[in-house]
N, C-alpha and C. Protein backbone atom coordinates (compact mmCIF):
# COMPACT_ATOMS: atom_id res chain seq x y z
N MET A 1 99.63 191.26 -59.14
CA MET A 1 98.16 191.85 -59.31
C MET A 1 97.27 191.01 -59.61
N ARG A 2 97.47 190.29 -60.45
CA ARG A 2 96.24 189.17 -60.73
C ARG A 2 96.12 188.15 -60.23
N GLN A 3 96.48 188.24 -59.08
CA GLN A 3 96.20 187.45 -58.31
C GLN A 3 94.81 188.62 -56.86
N GLU A 4 94.10 186.87 -56.49
CA GLU A 4 92.58 187.57 -55.38
C GLU A 4 93.14 188.11 -54.39
N VAL A 5 92.78 189.11 -53.67
CA VAL A 5 92.75 189.51 -53.01
C VAL A 5 91.55 189.58 -52.21
N GLU A 6 91.90 189.68 -50.60
CA GLU A 6 91.00 189.41 -49.77
C GLU A 6 89.87 190.50 -49.32
N LEU A 7 88.71 190.08 -49.60
CA LEU A 7 88.01 191.53 -49.36
C LEU A 7 87.96 192.05 -47.99
N GLY A 8 87.75 193.15 -47.97
CA GLY A 8 87.25 194.15 -46.59
C GLY A 8 86.02 193.83 -46.20
N GLU A 9 84.72 193.80 -44.50
CA GLU A 9 84.49 193.63 -43.72
C GLU A 9 83.22 194.51 -45.17
N VAL A 10 82.74 195.44 -45.38
CA VAL A 10 81.93 196.91 -46.27
C VAL A 10 81.67 196.06 -47.41
N GLU A 11 83.25 196.06 -48.07
CA GLU A 11 82.06 194.80 -49.49
C GLU A 11 82.13 193.64 -49.34
N LYS A 12 82.44 192.99 -47.91
CA LYS A 12 81.62 191.48 -48.34
C LYS A 12 80.41 191.36 -47.51
N CYS A 13 80.23 192.31 -46.88
CA CYS A 13 78.18 193.29 -47.36
C CYS A 13 77.60 193.42 -48.16
N ALA A 14 78.29 194.31 -48.34
CA ALA A 14 78.04 195.00 -50.27
C ALA A 14 77.40 193.77 -51.01
N ALA A 15 78.21 192.34 -50.94
CA ALA A 15 77.90 191.94 -51.30
C ALA A 15 76.89 190.57 -51.53
N LEU A 16 76.92 190.24 -50.10
CA LEU A 16 75.95 190.01 -50.07
C LEU A 16 74.44 190.24 -50.60
N ARG A 17 74.31 192.33 -50.32
CA ARG A 17 73.51 192.91 -50.88
C ARG A 17 73.25 192.76 -52.04
N HIS A 18 73.81 192.74 -53.43
CA HIS A 18 74.39 192.35 -54.73
C HIS A 18 73.95 190.74 -54.87
N GLY A 19 74.27 189.97 -53.97
CA GLY A 19 73.96 188.82 -54.41
C GLY A 19 72.27 188.86 -54.16
N SER A 20 71.98 189.09 -53.06
CA SER A 20 70.68 189.35 -52.72
C SER A 20 69.32 189.86 -53.92
N ARG A 21 69.91 190.83 -54.48
CA ARG A 21 69.28 191.96 -55.12
C ARG A 21 69.02 190.61 -56.44
N ILE A 22 71.01 190.53 -57.02
CA ILE A 22 70.26 189.78 -58.10
C ILE A 22 69.49 188.52 -58.42
N ALA A 23 69.33 187.72 -57.04
CA ALA A 23 69.12 186.45 -56.99
C ALA A 23 67.04 187.11 -56.76
N LYS A 24 66.86 188.30 -56.32
CA LYS A 24 65.34 188.42 -55.77
C LYS A 24 65.17 188.65 -58.05
N ALA A 25 66.36 189.26 -58.81
CA ALA A 25 65.47 189.82 -59.89
C ALA A 25 64.87 188.46 -60.60
N LEU A 26 66.02 186.66 -60.55
CA LEU A 26 66.53 186.48 -61.17
C LEU A 26 66.37 185.33 -60.84
N ASP A 27 65.62 184.55 -60.14
CA ASP A 27 65.63 182.89 -58.95
C ASP A 27 63.75 183.13 -59.88
N GLY A 28 63.47 182.22 -60.48
CA GLY A 28 62.75 181.24 -61.30
C GLY A 28 61.90 182.63 -62.78
N SER A 29 62.70 183.43 -62.72
CA SER A 29 62.20 184.15 -63.74
C SER A 29 61.69 183.86 -64.79
N GLY A 30 62.58 182.75 -65.98
CA GLY A 30 62.50 181.94 -66.73
C GLY A 30 63.53 181.51 -66.66
N ASP A 31 63.64 181.43 -68.31
CA ASP A 31 64.93 180.24 -69.36
C ASP A 31 66.23 180.38 -68.56
N PRO A 32 67.33 180.20 -68.64
CA PRO A 32 68.07 180.12 -68.02
C PRO A 32 69.15 180.83 -69.59
N THR A 33 68.89 181.10 -69.74
CA THR A 33 69.13 181.87 -71.48
C THR A 33 70.59 183.03 -71.26
N ALA A 34 71.41 182.94 -71.89
CA ALA A 34 72.18 185.06 -72.06
C ALA A 34 71.22 186.33 -71.66
N ALA A 35 70.67 186.52 -72.88
CA ALA A 35 68.99 186.97 -73.21
C ALA A 35 68.69 187.70 -71.68
N HIS A 36 67.90 186.82 -71.36
CA HIS A 36 66.95 186.94 -70.25
C HIS A 36 67.73 187.69 -68.72
N VAL A 37 69.05 186.42 -68.81
CA VAL A 37 70.05 187.47 -68.29
C VAL A 37 70.45 188.05 -67.32
N GLU A 38 70.67 188.91 -69.57
CA GLU A 38 71.26 190.44 -69.12
C GLU A 38 70.17 191.23 -69.21
N LYS A 39 69.12 190.92 -69.93
CA LYS A 39 67.83 191.78 -69.90
C LYS A 39 67.50 191.88 -68.50
N ALA A 40 67.63 190.87 -67.09
CA ALA A 40 67.48 190.60 -66.33
C ALA A 40 67.92 192.52 -65.08
N LEU A 41 69.46 191.57 -65.71
CA LEU A 41 70.48 192.48 -65.03
C LEU A 41 70.44 193.80 -65.25
N GLY A 42 69.54 194.18 -66.59
CA GLY A 42 70.12 195.20 -66.78
C GLY A 42 69.15 195.68 -65.79
N GLU A 43 67.89 195.71 -66.26
CA GLU A 43 66.99 195.85 -65.15
C GLU A 43 66.29 196.65 -63.45
N ILE A 44 67.53 196.08 -63.36
CA ILE A 44 67.83 196.60 -62.02
C ILE A 44 69.50 197.01 -61.59
N GLY A 45 69.99 197.41 -62.42
CA GLY A 45 71.29 198.85 -63.04
C GLY A 45 72.38 197.52 -63.27
N TYR A 46 72.15 196.82 -63.33
CA TYR A 46 73.56 196.04 -64.03
C TYR A 46 74.17 195.98 -65.21
N ASN A 47 73.75 197.46 -66.21
CA ASN A 47 73.02 196.68 -67.11
C ASN A 47 74.66 197.76 -68.41
N LEU A 48 75.71 197.90 -67.68
CA LEU A 48 76.84 199.24 -68.21
C LEU A 48 78.16 198.28 -68.14
N PRO A 49 78.24 198.40 -70.21
CA PRO A 49 79.06 197.29 -70.75
C PRO A 49 80.54 197.01 -70.23
N TYR A 50 80.89 197.77 -68.52
CA TYR A 50 82.24 197.38 -68.27
C TYR A 50 82.43 196.66 -67.01
N ARG A 51 80.43 196.78 -67.08
CA ARG A 51 80.47 196.01 -64.82
C ARG A 51 80.00 194.76 -65.65
N LEU A 52 79.48 194.75 -66.50
CA LEU A 52 79.20 193.11 -66.74
C LEU A 52 79.44 191.93 -68.28
N HIS A 53 80.33 191.21 -67.49
CA HIS A 53 80.92 190.30 -68.34
C HIS A 53 79.99 188.91 -68.20
N GLY A 54 80.19 189.02 -69.37
CA GLY A 54 78.74 187.83 -70.25
C GLY A 54 77.08 188.43 -70.08
N PRO A 55 77.08 188.00 -70.32
CA PRO A 55 76.79 186.53 -69.81
C PRO A 55 76.78 185.39 -70.54
N VAL A 56 76.97 183.77 -70.25
CA VAL A 56 77.21 183.20 -71.31
C VAL A 56 76.99 181.83 -70.42
N GLU A 57 76.11 181.66 -72.10
CA GLU A 57 74.95 179.68 -71.80
C GLU A 57 76.43 178.77 -71.48
N ALA A 58 76.47 178.35 -70.24
CA ALA A 58 77.17 176.85 -70.60
C ALA A 58 76.39 175.57 -70.02
N ASP A 59 76.47 174.61 -70.65
CA ASP A 59 76.04 173.82 -69.30
C ASP A 59 74.53 173.86 -68.50
N GLY A 60 73.38 174.64 -69.96
CA GLY A 60 72.04 174.53 -69.09
C GLY A 60 72.37 175.74 -68.35
N LYS A 61 73.31 176.56 -68.10
CA LYS A 61 73.06 177.39 -67.11
C LYS A 61 74.01 178.28 -67.85
N VAL A 62 73.83 180.31 -66.85
CA VAL A 62 74.29 181.01 -67.46
C VAL A 62 75.27 181.76 -66.27
N GLU A 63 76.68 181.96 -67.12
CA GLU A 63 77.55 182.16 -66.52
C GLU A 63 78.15 184.23 -66.37
N PHE A 64 77.94 184.82 -65.55
CA PHE A 64 78.60 185.80 -66.24
C PHE A 64 79.23 186.19 -64.52
N THR A 65 79.62 187.77 -65.19
CA THR A 65 80.89 188.30 -63.92
C THR A 65 80.50 189.70 -64.09
N LEU A 66 80.43 190.16 -62.25
CA LEU A 66 80.27 191.52 -62.71
C LEU A 66 81.09 192.41 -62.07
N ASP A 67 81.67 193.37 -62.40
CA ASP A 67 82.79 194.18 -61.67
C ASP A 67 82.33 195.52 -60.66
N LEU A 68 81.64 194.99 -58.43
CA LEU A 68 80.98 196.31 -59.00
C LEU A 68 81.85 196.78 -57.96
N ARG A 69 83.12 197.37 -58.51
CA ARG A 69 84.34 198.38 -57.66
C ARG A 69 84.12 200.05 -57.84
N GLY A 70 84.23 199.77 -56.67
CA GLY A 70 83.83 201.38 -56.21
C GLY A 70 86.04 201.34 -55.42
N GLY A 71 86.07 199.80 -54.55
CA GLY A 71 87.05 198.85 -53.82
C GLY A 71 87.62 197.93 -55.40
N GLU A 72 87.52 197.27 -54.08
CA GLU A 72 88.40 195.66 -54.97
C GLU A 72 87.17 194.43 -54.88
N LEU A 73 85.43 194.63 -55.19
CA LEU A 73 84.63 193.57 -55.10
C LEU A 73 84.41 192.76 -56.40
N CYS A 74 84.73 191.68 -56.45
CA CYS A 74 84.29 191.44 -58.46
C CYS A 74 82.71 190.44 -57.60
N LEU A 75 82.30 189.52 -58.88
CA LEU A 75 81.15 188.57 -58.16
C LEU A 75 80.86 188.29 -59.79
N ASP A 76 81.12 186.55 -59.13
CA ASP A 76 81.03 185.66 -60.32
C ASP A 76 79.33 184.94 -60.06
N GLY A 77 78.41 184.97 -60.69
CA GLY A 77 76.93 184.54 -60.97
C GLY A 77 77.12 183.05 -61.82
N THR A 78 75.92 182.65 -61.32
CA THR A 78 75.02 181.53 -62.00
C THR A 78 73.95 181.74 -61.93
N TYR A 79 73.08 181.38 -62.86
CA TYR A 79 71.35 181.23 -62.94
C TYR A 79 71.17 180.11 -63.85
N ASP A 80 70.68 178.84 -62.26
CA ASP A 80 70.33 177.91 -63.63
C ASP A 80 68.24 177.88 -64.12
N GLY A 81 68.07 178.54 -64.89
CA GLY A 81 66.86 178.75 -64.14
C GLY A 81 65.37 178.81 -63.92
N THR A 82 66.44 178.41 -62.16
CA THR A 82 65.60 177.98 -60.87
C THR A 82 66.40 179.07 -59.74
N ARG A 83 67.73 178.88 -59.39
CA ARG A 83 67.92 180.21 -58.62
C ARG A 83 69.10 180.57 -59.03
N THR A 84 69.75 181.47 -59.03
CA THR A 84 71.04 182.48 -58.75
C THR A 84 72.05 180.92 -57.99
N THR A 85 73.20 182.00 -58.48
CA THR A 85 74.67 181.51 -57.17
C THR A 85 75.39 182.63 -57.21
N PHE A 86 76.18 182.63 -56.72
CA PHE A 86 76.97 183.67 -56.46
C PHE A 86 78.96 183.77 -55.83
N ASP A 87 79.98 184.46 -56.52
CA ASP A 87 81.11 183.96 -55.49
C ASP A 87 81.35 185.50 -55.19
N PRO A 88 81.48 185.90 -54.36
CA PRO A 88 82.40 186.96 -54.50
C PRO A 88 83.35 186.57 -54.55
N TYR A 89 84.37 187.87 -54.32
CA TYR A 89 85.74 187.93 -54.84
C TYR A 89 86.16 189.64 -54.14
N GLY A 90 88.18 188.99 -54.51
CA GLY A 90 88.62 191.13 -54.20
C GLY A 90 89.15 191.15 -55.76
N VAL A 91 89.41 191.56 -56.11
CA VAL A 91 91.12 192.46 -57.93
C VAL A 91 90.84 193.58 -56.83
N HIS A 92 92.72 193.83 -57.50
CA HIS A 92 93.20 194.73 -58.13
C HIS A 92 92.62 195.75 -58.13
N PRO A 93 92.14 196.54 -57.50
CA PRO A 93 91.93 198.21 -59.10
C PRO A 93 92.23 197.82 -60.39
N ALA A 94 93.95 198.19 -60.91
CA ALA A 94 94.71 196.91 -61.64
C ALA A 94 94.13 197.00 -62.79
N VAL A 95 93.11 195.06 -62.45
CA VAL A 95 93.58 194.03 -63.27
C VAL A 95 91.86 194.46 -63.58
N TYR A 96 91.37 193.91 -64.73
CA TYR A 96 89.71 193.32 -64.87
C TYR A 96 89.76 192.28 -64.15
N CYS A 97 87.78 191.94 -62.93
CA CYS A 97 87.83 190.55 -62.37
C CYS A 97 87.68 189.24 -63.63
N THR A 98 87.87 189.81 -65.00
CA THR A 98 88.21 188.03 -65.28
C THR A 98 89.26 187.97 -65.68
N ASP A 99 90.18 188.99 -65.78
CA ASP A 99 92.29 188.69 -65.48
C ASP A 99 92.38 188.64 -64.74
N VAL A 100 91.53 187.44 -63.18
CA VAL A 100 92.41 187.29 -61.77
C VAL A 100 92.33 185.11 -61.72
N LYS A 101 93.29 185.25 -61.19
CA LYS A 101 93.42 183.52 -60.50
C LYS A 101 93.19 184.15 -59.73
N ARG A 102 91.93 182.67 -59.41
CA ARG A 102 91.00 182.37 -58.67
C ARG A 102 91.46 181.71 -57.79
N ARG A 103 91.44 181.47 -56.79
CA ARG A 103 91.66 180.68 -55.41
C ARG A 103 91.04 179.76 -54.81
N GLY A 104 92.34 178.93 -54.81
CA GLY A 104 91.07 176.94 -55.07
C GLY A 104 91.28 176.94 -55.84
């Protein structure tokens, strides 16, 4: 149950939309600090404590996890001050996004 699960087509599409929205808000917007990322994500609606895990500063980047589940979608993101990257994955509804053993 703590294993990553396959995303359906709808969730794959939703992941792209969330990723694009987040990148638009963050890319080139400022310093890679946890406070900056948290504020930017909050301004576009990702400010609920149970949805946003992190952000955490590491090696000049900011890492965060978003729980976007109505289904099984979670998204790991990284912002480096210039560019945002994201990695969507599926999680069983009874498990926290951050507790999942990722594939690969």
